[in-house]
N, C-alpha and C. Protein backbone atom coordinates (compact mmCIF):
# COMPACT_ATOMS: atom_id res chain seq x y z
N MET A 1 0.65 -1.16 0.00
CA MET A 1 -0.03 -0.09 0.00
C MET A 1 1.02 1.19 0.18
N SER A 2 0.48 2.17 -0.74
CA SER A 2 1.40 3.35 -0.88
C SER A 2 0.96 4.32 0.03
N HIS A 3 1.91 5.26 0.39
CA HIS A 3 1.55 6.46 1.26
C HIS A 3 0.27 7.24 0.70
N ARG A 4 0.31 7.28 -0.55
CA ARG A 4 -1.05 8.05 -0.92
C ARG A 4 -2.38 7.26 -0.51
N GLN A 5 -2.25 6.16 -0.83
CA GLN A 5 -3.55 5.18 -0.55
C GLN A 5 -3.69 5.00 1.19
N THR A 6 -2.60 5.14 1.79
CA THR A 6 -2.84 5.08 3.56
C THR A 6 -3.57 6.45 3.75
N GLY A 7 -2.83 7.48 3.10
CA GLY A 7 -3.40 8.91 3.36
C GLY A 7 -4.99 8.86 3.18
N VAL A 8 -5.31 8.42 1.89
CA VAL A 8 -6.88 8.23 1.66
C VAL A 8 -7.57 7.63 2.67
N ALA A 9 -7.10 6.42 3.03
CA ALA A 9 -7.79 5.43 4.01
C ALA A 9 -8.04 6.30 4.98
N TYR A 10 -6.82 6.94 5.74
CA TYR A 10 -7.05 7.64 7.06
C TYR A 10 -8.05 8.87 6.91
N ARG A 11 -8.20 9.40 5.69
CA ARG A 11 -9.00 10.57 5.48
C ARG A 11 -10.52 9.98 5.58
N VAL A 12 -10.60 9.01 4.93
CA VAL A 12 -12.05 8.39 4.87
C VAL A 12 -12.31 7.89 6.46
N LEU A 13 -11.41 7.28 7.12
CA LEU A 13 -11.81 6.85 8.68
C LEU A 13 -12.17 8.22 9.39
N VAL A 14 -11.28 9.23 9.14
CA VAL A 14 -11.53 10.44 9.91
C VAL A 14 -12.81 11.10 9.57
N ASP A 15 -13.17 11.15 8.31
CA ASP A 15 -14.44 11.69 7.94
C ASP A 15 -15.61 11.02 8.26
N MET A 16 -15.48 9.57 8.39
CA MET A 16 -16.69 8.83 9.02
C MET A 16 -16.92 9.30 10.61
N ILE A 17 -15.50 9.20 11.32
CA ILE A 17 -15.62 9.36 12.76
C ILE A 17 -16.16 10.83 13.04
N ALA A 18 -15.52 11.80 12.43
CA ALA A 18 -15.99 13.10 12.39
C ALA A 18 -17.44 13.58 12.35
N GLY A 19 -17.88 12.95 11.18
CA GLY A 19 -19.45 12.97 11.03
C GLY A 19 -20.42 12.31 11.98
N LEU A 20 -19.87 11.13 12.69
CA LEU A 20 -20.76 10.69 13.60
C LEU A 20 -20.63 11.58 15.01
N LEU A 21 -19.44 11.98 15.23
CA LEU A 21 -19.30 12.83 16.48
C LEU A 21 -20.10 14.05 16.40
N VAL A 22 -19.98 14.74 15.22
CA VAL A 22 -20.66 16.03 15.24
C VAL A 22 -21.94 15.91 15.01
N GLY A 23 -22.58 14.90 14.46
CA GLY A 23 -23.82 14.77 14.52
C GLY A 23 -24.40 14.21 16.02
N GLY A 24 -23.71 13.41 16.59
CA GLY A 24 -24.03 12.86 17.84
C GLY A 24 -23.98 13.97 18.67
N PHE A 25 -23.12 15.11 18.69
CA PHE A 25 -23.03 16.14 19.55
C PHE A 25 -24.00 16.81 19.37
N LEU A 26 -24.48 17.35 18.23
CA LEU A 26 -25.60 18.38 17.94
C LEU A 26 -27.05 17.53 18.33
N GLY A 27 -27.04 16.36 18.13
CA GLY A 27 -28.36 15.66 18.48
C GLY A 27 -28.44 15.68 20.09
N TYR A 28 -27.37 15.36 20.62
CA TYR A 28 -27.56 15.32 22.00
C TYR A 28 -27.83 16.75 22.80
N TRP A 29 -26.89 17.71 22.20
CA TRP A 29 -27.08 19.07 22.43
C TRP A 29 -28.93 19.48 22.20
N LEU A 30 -29.38 19.28 21.14
CA LEU A 30 -30.74 19.33 20.96
C LEU A 30 -31.82 18.69 21.78
N ASP A 31 -31.33 17.53 22.08
CA ASP A 31 -32.12 16.74 23.02
C ASP A 31 -32.14 17.53 24.55
N ARG A 32 -31.09 17.73 24.82
CA ARG A 32 -30.95 18.48 26.17
C ARG A 32 -31.85 20.12 26.21
N TRP A 33 -31.40 20.57 25.15
CA TRP A 33 -32.22 21.91 24.93
C TRP A 33 -33.72 21.85 24.94
N LEU A 34 -34.26 21.00 23.97
CA LEU A 34 -35.76 21.03 23.67
C LEU A 34 -36.29 19.95 24.46
N GLY A 35 -35.80 19.07 24.97
CA GLY A 35 -36.48 17.77 25.51
C GLY A 35 -36.91 16.81 24.36
N TRP A 36 -36.24 16.54 23.44
CA TRP A 36 -36.80 15.58 22.48
C TRP A 36 -36.28 14.18 22.43
N THR A 37 -35.69 13.68 23.82
CA THR A 37 -34.91 12.58 24.16
C THR A 37 -35.79 11.50 23.48
N PRO A 38 -35.11 10.65 22.57
CA PRO A 38 -33.86 10.43 22.18
C PRO A 38 -33.79 10.76 20.47
N TYR A 39 -35.04 11.43 20.11
CA TYR A 39 -35.15 11.56 18.61
C TYR A 39 -34.13 12.59 18.03
N ALA A 40 -33.73 13.64 18.51
CA ALA A 40 -32.75 14.56 17.98
C ALA A 40 -31.50 13.78 17.91
N LEU A 41 -31.07 12.99 19.01
CA LEU A 41 -29.85 12.08 18.94
C LEU A 41 -29.61 11.43 17.98
N VAL A 42 -30.68 10.52 17.62
CA VAL A 42 -31.04 9.40 16.62
C VAL A 42 -30.65 10.18 15.14
N THR A 43 -31.43 11.20 15.03
CA THR A 43 -31.57 11.86 13.86
C THR A 43 -30.12 12.45 13.38
N GLY A 44 -29.50 12.97 14.60
CA GLY A 44 -28.24 13.61 14.36
C GLY A 44 -27.03 12.52 14.04
N LEU A 45 -27.18 11.40 14.69
CA LEU A 45 -26.27 10.38 14.46
C LEU A 45 -26.64 9.94 12.86
N VAL A 46 -27.87 9.72 12.46
CA VAL A 46 -27.92 9.38 11.02
C VAL A 46 -27.57 10.36 10.11
N LEU A 47 -27.86 11.81 10.22
CA LEU A 47 -27.33 12.74 9.35
C LEU A 47 -25.79 12.69 9.32
N GLY A 48 -25.20 12.66 10.53
CA GLY A 48 -23.74 12.60 10.83
C GLY A 48 -22.94 11.26 9.89
N PHE A 49 -23.83 10.32 9.89
CA PHE A 49 -23.41 9.12 9.11
C PHE A 49 -23.38 9.33 7.77
N VAL A 50 -24.47 9.93 7.38
CA VAL A 50 -24.61 10.32 5.78
C VAL A 50 -23.55 11.35 5.47
N ALA A 51 -23.24 12.38 6.30
CA ALA A 51 -22.29 13.04 5.81
C ALA A 51 -20.98 12.72 5.72
N GLY A 52 -20.81 11.88 6.59
CA GLY A 52 -19.31 11.30 6.71
C GLY A 52 -19.33 10.20 5.32
N VAL A 53 -20.38 9.61 5.14
CA VAL A 53 -19.91 8.68 3.80
C VAL A 53 -20.14 9.55 2.56
N ASN A 54 -20.94 10.66 2.57
CA ASN A 54 -20.73 11.61 1.41
C ASN A 54 -19.23 12.05 1.21
N ASN A 55 -18.58 12.73 2.44
CA ASN A 55 -17.41 13.14 2.27
C ASN A 55 -16.21 12.05 1.96
N ALA A 56 -16.61 10.73 2.50
CA ALA A 56 -15.70 9.75 2.22
C ALA A 56 -15.66 9.38 0.85
N TRP A 57 -16.88 9.36 0.24
CA TRP A 57 -17.07 8.99 -1.29
C TRP A 57 -16.58 10.06 -2.20
N ARG A 58 -16.59 11.26 -1.69
CA ARG A 58 -15.81 12.35 -2.52
C ARG A 58 -14.51 12.19 -2.65
N ALA A 59 -13.88 11.89 -1.33
CA ALA A 59 -12.21 11.58 -1.30
C ALA A 59 -11.98 10.40 -2.12
N ILE A 60 -12.80 9.22 -1.84
CA ILE A 60 -12.34 8.18 -2.86
C ILE A 60 -12.57 8.34 -4.35
N ARG A 61 -13.41 9.15 -4.74
CA ARG A 61 -13.77 9.61 -6.20
C ARG A 61 -12.65 10.35 -6.84
N GLN A 62 -12.10 11.31 -5.68
CA GLN A 62 -11.06 12.20 -6.11
C GLN A 62 -9.69 11.25 -6.32
N TYR A 63 -9.36 10.49 -5.36
CA TYR A 63 -8.29 9.63 -5.50
C TYR A 63 -8.41 8.60 -6.73
N SER A 64 -9.44 8.07 -7.06
CA SER A 64 -9.64 7.37 -8.19
C SER A 64 -9.45 8.22 -9.57
N LYS A 65 -10.10 9.47 -9.62
CA LYS A 65 -9.88 10.01 -10.78
C LYS A 65 -8.16 10.62 -10.91
N GLU A 66 -7.39 11.03 -9.86
CA GLU A 66 -6.11 11.15 -9.95
C GLU A 66 -5.28 9.90 -10.29
N ALA A 67 -5.60 8.67 -9.62
CA ALA A 67 -4.93 7.51 -10.02
C ALA A 67 -5.11 7.02 -11.40
N ALA A 68 -6.39 7.43 -12.19
CA ALA A 68 -6.52 7.03 -13.45
C ALA A 68 -5.89 8.14 -14.37
N GLY A 69 -5.19 9.10 -13.90
CA GLY A 69 -4.61 9.96 -14.84
C GLY A 69 -5.15 11.35 -15.05
N GLY A 70 -6.24 11.74 -14.16
CA GLY A 70 -6.58 12.99 -13.79
C GLY A 70 -7.63 13.53 -14.99
N ASP A 71 -8.25 12.76 -16.11
CA ASP A 71 -8.71 13.27 -17.20
C ASP A 71 -10.11 13.87 -16.88
N ASP A 72 -10.83 14.39 -17.53
CA ASP A 72 -12.05 15.14 -17.18
C ASP A 72 -13.17 14.60 -16.94
N GLY A 73 -13.16 13.05 -17.18
CA GLY A 73 -14.07 12.20 -17.05
C GLY A 73 -14.78 11.53 -18.23
N GLY A 74 -14.23 12.14 -19.49
CA GLY A 74 -14.84 11.66 -20.54
C GLY A 74 -14.44 10.49 -20.91
N PRO A 75 -14.80 9.78 -22.00
CA PRO A 75 -14.36 8.19 -22.39
C PRO A 75 -12.76 8.20 -22.52
N ARG A 76 -12.20 7.04 -22.12
CA ARG A 76 -10.75 6.98 -22.26
C ARG A 76 -10.63 6.18 -23.50
N LEU A 77 -9.74 6.84 -24.44
CA LEU A 77 -9.27 5.92 -25.57
C LEU A 77 -8.11 4.95 -25.34
N PRO A 78 -8.06 3.93 -26.06
CA PRO A 78 -6.99 2.93 -25.70
C PRO A 78 -5.68 3.39 -26.27
């Protein structure tokens, strides 16, 4: 595994963890503030997970584009 691949893997891991932590914190805070226990926490965790997956997917797509030669996404000729 190259250093670039390792860096992308760590970025995906951090994106997933950060999304869950931020979503969980905001959901917990809303639960405490508005008394919606546990609905805001669950919603925050789901939204945080979706945001983490979205960021990870963008990082993987960017890495794949760079690894393939950085073309503009058009069809590649042999």
